[in-house]
Amino acid sequence: MPSLSLAIPHSLGQEVAQQRLQTLLTKALERNQSKISNLEQATEGNRQTFKFSTFGFKVSGDVVVEAAQIVLNLSLPFAAMMFKGKIEQTLREEITKALAAP
């Protein structure tokens, strides 16, 4: 499967960044609950793994919250590759906005 990796810097400290990311994920799941099925999540320390299905495609990945950056890795189906740029842009914008919120 093709992959997508993002590293988004922050200056919030690991704990605050992790809280803001969790808030973002919770809101995103609420907004998109009708489009997501078979969601599985696991958290171990500062790393969260996930996999889910959307529109018949399986997506998996992990998010690691570090002291100065968030690292997101996704495995995307080949059919989603034509949207990779848009997916990356949207994820980067949403995460950056969540980290910048007061």
N, C-alpha and C. Protein backbone atom coordinates (compact mmCIF):
# COMPACT_ATOMS: atom_id res chain seq x y z
N MET A 1 0.83 -1.18 0.00
CA MET A 1 0.00 0.00 0.00
C MET A 1 0.87 1.25 0.00
N PRO A 2 0.49 2.24 -0.74
CA PRO A 2 1.22 3.52 -0.72
C PRO A 2 1.09 4.19 0.64
N SER A 3 2.04 5.03 0.94
CA SER A 3 2.01 5.68 2.25
C SER A 3 2.10 7.19 2.12
N LEU A 4 1.76 7.83 3.22
CA LEU A 4 1.83 9.28 3.33
C LEU A 4 2.38 9.56 4.72
N SER A 5 3.39 10.41 4.80
CA SER A 5 3.99 10.76 6.09
C SER A 5 4.06 12.28 6.22
N LEU A 6 3.69 12.75 7.41
CA LEU A 6 3.74 14.18 7.72
C LEU A 6 4.45 14.38 9.05
N ALA A 7 5.24 15.42 9.14
CA ALA A 7 5.82 15.85 10.41
C ALA A 7 5.41 17.31 10.58
N ILE A 8 4.66 17.58 11.64
CA ILE A 8 4.13 18.92 11.86
C ILE A 8 4.72 19.45 13.16
N PRO A 9 5.53 20.50 13.08
CA PRO A 9 6.18 21.03 14.28
C PRO A 9 5.20 21.75 15.20
N HIS A 10 5.55 21.78 16.48
CA HIS A 10 4.77 22.55 17.47
C HIS A 10 5.70 22.95 18.60
N SER A 11 5.24 23.89 19.41
CA SER A 11 6.03 24.34 20.56
C SER A 11 5.20 24.27 21.85
N LEU A 12 4.27 23.32 21.88
CA LEU A 12 3.33 23.22 23.00
C LEU A 12 3.79 22.30 24.12
N GLY A 13 4.76 21.48 23.85
CA GLY A 13 5.09 20.42 24.79
C GLY A 13 4.26 19.20 24.43
N GLN A 14 4.76 18.05 24.79
CA GLN A 14 4.15 16.80 24.38
C GLN A 14 2.73 16.61 24.95
N GLU A 15 2.53 16.91 26.21
CA GLU A 15 1.23 16.67 26.84
C GLU A 15 0.13 17.54 26.23
N VAL A 16 0.38 18.83 26.08
CA VAL A 16 -0.62 19.74 25.51
C VAL A 16 -0.90 19.37 24.06
N ALA A 17 0.15 19.08 23.30
CA ALA A 17 -0.04 18.70 21.90
C ALA A 17 -0.87 17.42 21.80
N GLN A 18 -0.64 16.48 22.68
CA GLN A 18 -1.39 15.23 22.67
C GLN A 18 -2.87 15.49 23.00
N GLN A 19 -3.14 16.36 23.94
CA GLN A 19 -4.53 16.71 24.28
C GLN A 19 -5.24 17.37 23.10
N ARG A 20 -4.57 18.29 22.46
CA ARG A 20 -5.18 19.00 21.32
C ARG A 20 -5.42 18.05 20.15
N LEU A 21 -4.48 17.15 19.92
CA LEU A 21 -4.65 16.18 18.84
C LEU A 21 -5.82 15.26 19.15
N GLN A 22 -5.96 14.83 20.39
CA GLN A 22 -7.08 13.97 20.77
C GLN A 22 -8.41 14.68 20.58
N THR A 23 -8.47 15.96 20.94
CA THR A 23 -9.69 16.75 20.73
C THR A 23 -10.02 16.82 19.25
N LEU A 24 -9.01 17.07 18.42
CA LEU A 24 -9.21 17.12 16.96
C LEU A 24 -9.73 15.79 16.45
N LEU A 25 -9.15 14.69 16.89
CA LEU A 25 -9.57 13.37 16.42
C LEU A 25 -11.01 13.07 16.84
N THR A 26 -11.36 13.40 18.06
CA THR A 26 -12.72 13.17 18.55
C THR A 26 -13.73 13.93 17.72
N LYS A 27 -13.45 15.21 17.45
CA LYS A 27 -14.36 16.03 16.64
C LYS A 27 -14.46 15.51 15.20
N ALA A 28 -13.32 15.09 14.64
CA ALA A 28 -13.32 14.56 13.27
C ALA A 28 -14.14 13.28 13.18
N LEU A 29 -14.03 12.42 14.18
CA LEU A 29 -14.82 11.19 14.19
C LEU A 29 -16.31 11.50 14.31
N GLU A 30 -16.67 12.46 15.13
CA GLU A 30 -18.08 12.85 15.28
C GLU A 30 -18.64 13.38 13.97
N ARG A 31 -17.86 14.23 13.28
CA ARG A 31 -18.31 14.82 12.01
C ARG A 31 -18.45 13.78 10.91
N ASN A 32 -17.61 12.75 10.96
CA ASN A 32 -17.54 11.79 9.86
C ASN A 32 -18.01 10.39 10.24
N GLN A 33 -18.75 10.26 11.32
CA GLN A 33 -19.10 8.93 11.80
C GLN A 33 -19.88 8.10 10.78
N SER A 34 -20.65 8.74 9.92
CA SER A 34 -21.41 8.00 8.92
C SER A 34 -20.52 7.49 7.77
N LYS A 35 -19.30 8.00 7.67
CA LYS A 35 -18.39 7.61 6.59
C LYS A 35 -17.32 6.63 7.03
N ILE A 36 -17.25 6.36 8.34
CA ILE A 36 -16.18 5.53 8.90
C ILE A 36 -16.79 4.28 9.53
N SER A 37 -16.20 3.13 9.24
CA SER A 37 -16.63 1.89 9.86
C SER A 37 -15.41 1.07 10.27
N ASN A 38 -15.65 0.09 11.10
CA ASN A 38 -14.60 -0.83 11.56
C ASN A 38 -13.40 -0.11 12.16
N LEU A 39 -13.66 0.93 12.93
CA LEU A 39 -12.59 1.70 13.54
C LEU A 39 -11.95 0.91 14.68
N GLU A 40 -10.63 0.81 14.63
CA GLU A 40 -9.86 0.21 15.71
C GLU A 40 -8.75 1.18 16.07
N GLN A 41 -8.60 1.44 17.38
CA GLN A 41 -7.57 2.36 17.86
C GLN A 41 -6.87 1.72 19.05
N ALA A 42 -5.60 2.03 19.18
CA ALA A 42 -4.83 1.59 20.34
C ALA A 42 -3.82 2.68 20.66
N THR A 43 -3.65 2.94 21.95
CA THR A 43 -2.70 3.95 22.39
C THR A 43 -1.67 3.30 23.29
N GLU A 44 -0.42 3.62 23.01
CA GLU A 44 0.68 3.14 23.84
C GLU A 44 1.64 4.31 24.01
N GLY A 45 1.62 4.89 25.20
CA GLY A 45 2.47 6.05 25.46
C GLY A 45 2.06 7.21 24.58
N ASN A 46 3.01 7.71 23.79
CA ASN A 46 2.73 8.86 22.93
C ASN A 46 2.40 8.45 21.49
N ARG A 47 2.12 7.16 21.28
CA ARG A 47 1.82 6.64 19.94
C ARG A 47 0.41 6.06 19.90
N GLN A 48 -0.35 6.49 18.89
CA GLN A 48 -1.68 5.95 18.68
C GLN A 48 -1.73 5.30 17.31
N THR A 49 -2.15 4.04 17.27
CA THR A 49 -2.33 3.34 16.01
C THR A 49 -3.83 3.27 15.71
N PHE A 50 -4.16 3.19 14.44
CA PHE A 50 -5.56 3.14 14.05
C PHE A 50 -5.71 2.45 12.72
N LYS A 51 -6.90 1.94 12.49
CA LYS A 51 -7.30 1.46 11.17
C LYS A 51 -8.81 1.56 11.09
N PHE A 52 -9.28 1.81 9.88
CA PHE A 52 -10.70 1.96 9.65
C PHE A 52 -10.99 1.78 8.17
N SER A 53 -12.27 1.69 7.86
CA SER A 53 -12.72 1.63 6.47
C SER A 53 -13.54 2.87 6.19
N THR A 54 -13.39 3.38 4.98
CA THR A 54 -14.18 4.51 4.53
C THR A 54 -14.45 4.35 3.04
N PHE A 55 -15.70 4.49 2.67
CA PHE A 55 -16.11 4.32 1.27
C PHE A 55 -15.58 3.02 0.67
N GLY A 56 -15.50 1.97 1.49
CA GLY A 56 -15.05 0.66 1.03
C GLY A 56 -13.54 0.49 0.99
N PHE A 57 -12.79 1.50 1.38
CA PHE A 57 -11.33 1.42 1.38
C PHE A 57 -10.81 1.30 2.81
N LYS A 58 -9.74 0.55 2.97
CA LYS A 58 -9.11 0.40 4.28
C LYS A 58 -7.94 1.37 4.40
N VAL A 59 -7.90 2.05 5.55
CA VAL A 59 -6.84 3.01 5.86
C VAL A 59 -6.25 2.61 7.20
N SER A 60 -4.94 2.70 7.33
CA SER A 60 -4.31 2.41 8.62
C SER A 60 -3.13 3.36 8.81
N GLY A 61 -2.71 3.48 10.05
CA GLY A 61 -1.57 4.34 10.31
C GLY A 61 -1.31 4.52 11.78
N ASP A 62 -0.45 5.50 12.05
CA ASP A 62 -0.16 5.84 13.44
C ASP A 62 0.19 7.31 13.55
N VAL A 63 0.04 7.82 14.77
CA VAL A 63 0.38 9.20 15.09
C VAL A 63 1.27 9.15 16.32
N VAL A 64 2.41 9.82 16.23
CA VAL A 64 3.33 9.89 17.36
C VAL A 64 3.47 11.36 17.74
N VAL A 65 3.18 11.65 19.01
CA VAL A 65 3.30 13.02 19.51
C VAL A 65 4.64 13.11 20.22
N GLU A 66 5.53 13.90 19.64
CA GLU A 66 6.86 14.11 20.21
C GLU A 66 6.90 15.49 20.87
N ALA A 67 7.98 15.78 21.53
CA ALA A 67 8.11 17.04 22.27
C ALA A 67 7.99 18.27 21.37
N ALA A 68 8.42 18.18 20.12
CA ALA A 68 8.41 19.35 19.24
C ALA A 68 7.73 19.12 17.89
N GLN A 69 7.14 17.93 17.69
CA GLN A 69 6.45 17.68 16.44
C GLN A 69 5.48 16.51 16.58
N ILE A 70 4.53 16.49 15.67
CA ILE A 70 3.61 15.36 15.55
C ILE A 70 3.96 14.68 14.24
N VAL A 71 4.12 13.37 14.29
CA VAL A 71 4.46 12.60 13.10
C VAL A 71 3.28 11.68 12.79
N LEU A 72 2.74 11.82 11.59
CA LEU A 72 1.59 11.04 11.15
C LEU A 72 2.02 10.19 9.97
N ASN A 73 1.72 8.90 10.03
CA ASN A 73 2.01 7.97 8.95
C ASN A 73 0.72 7.26 8.57
N LEU A 74 0.37 7.27 7.29
CA LEU A 74 -0.83 6.62 6.80
C LEU A 74 -0.48 5.64 5.69
N SER A 75 -1.20 4.54 5.67
CA SER A 75 -1.17 3.63 4.52
C SER A 75 -2.49 3.81 3.81
N LEU A 76 -2.41 4.20 2.56
CA LEU A 76 -3.61 4.50 1.77
C LEU A 76 -3.81 3.45 0.68
N PRO A 77 -5.04 3.18 0.31
CA PRO A 77 -5.27 2.29 -0.83
C PRO A 77 -4.82 2.96 -2.12
N PHE A 78 -4.46 2.15 -3.10
CA PHE A 78 -4.00 2.71 -4.38
C PHE A 78 -5.03 3.65 -4.99
N ALA A 79 -6.31 3.34 -4.82
CA ALA A 79 -7.36 4.17 -5.40
C ALA A 79 -7.38 5.59 -4.83
N ALA A 80 -6.84 5.77 -3.63
CA ALA A 80 -6.82 7.10 -3.01
C ALA A 80 -5.60 7.92 -3.41
N MET A 81 -4.68 7.34 -4.14
CA MET A 81 -3.45 8.03 -4.47
C MET A 81 -3.67 9.28 -5.32
N MET A 82 -4.72 9.30 -6.11
CA MET A 82 -4.97 10.50 -6.91
C MET A 82 -5.40 11.67 -6.02
N PHE A 83 -5.79 11.36 -4.77
CA PHE A 83 -6.19 12.40 -3.81
C PHE A 83 -5.13 12.65 -2.74
N LYS A 84 -3.96 12.05 -2.90
CA LYS A 84 -2.92 12.13 -1.87
C LYS A 84 -2.57 13.58 -1.53
N GLY A 85 -2.41 14.43 -2.53
CA GLY A 85 -2.06 15.83 -2.28
C GLY A 85 -3.13 16.54 -1.47
N LYS A 86 -4.38 16.32 -1.80
CA LYS A 86 -5.49 16.95 -1.07
C LYS A 86 -5.60 16.39 0.35
N ILE A 87 -5.41 15.09 0.51
CA ILE A 87 -5.44 14.47 1.83
C ILE A 87 -4.34 15.05 2.69
N GLU A 88 -3.13 15.13 2.15
CA GLU A 88 -1.99 15.67 2.89
C GLU A 88 -2.24 17.13 3.28
N GLN A 89 -2.72 17.93 2.34
CA GLN A 89 -2.98 19.35 2.60
C GLN A 89 -4.02 19.52 3.70
N THR A 90 -5.11 18.76 3.62
CA THR A 90 -6.18 18.87 4.61
C THR A 90 -5.69 18.45 5.99
N LEU A 91 -4.98 17.34 6.06
CA LEU A 91 -4.46 16.88 7.35
C LEU A 91 -3.50 17.90 7.95
N ARG A 92 -2.59 18.41 7.13
CA ARG A 92 -1.62 19.39 7.63
C ARG A 92 -2.34 20.64 8.15
N GLU A 93 -3.32 21.14 7.39
CA GLU A 93 -4.06 22.34 7.81
C GLU A 93 -4.83 22.11 9.10
N GLU A 94 -5.54 21.00 9.20
CA GLU A 94 -6.35 20.72 10.38
C GLU A 94 -5.50 20.52 11.63
N ILE A 95 -4.41 19.79 11.51
CA ILE A 95 -3.53 19.55 12.66
C ILE A 95 -2.84 20.84 13.07
N THR A 96 -2.36 21.61 12.11
CA THR A 96 -1.70 22.89 12.40
C THR A 96 -2.66 23.82 13.11
N LYS A 97 -3.91 23.89 12.63
CA LYS A 97 -4.92 24.74 13.24
C LYS A 97 -5.22 24.29 14.68
N ALA A 98 -5.32 22.99 14.90
CA ALA A 98 -5.58 22.48 16.26
C ALA A 98 -4.43 22.79 17.21
N LEU A 99 -3.22 22.75 16.72
CA LEU A 99 -2.06 23.02 17.55
C LEU A 99 -1.90 24.52 17.82
N ALA A 100 -2.44 25.36 16.93
CA ALA A 100 -2.31 26.80 17.09
C ALA A 100 -3.41 27.40 17.95
N ALA A 101 -4.47 26.64 18.17
CA ALA A 101 -5.60 27.16 18.96
C ALA A 101 -5.14 27.56 20.36
N PRO A 102 -5.70 28.64 20.89
CA PRO A 102 -5.29 29.09 22.22
C PRO A 102 -5.69 28.14 23.33
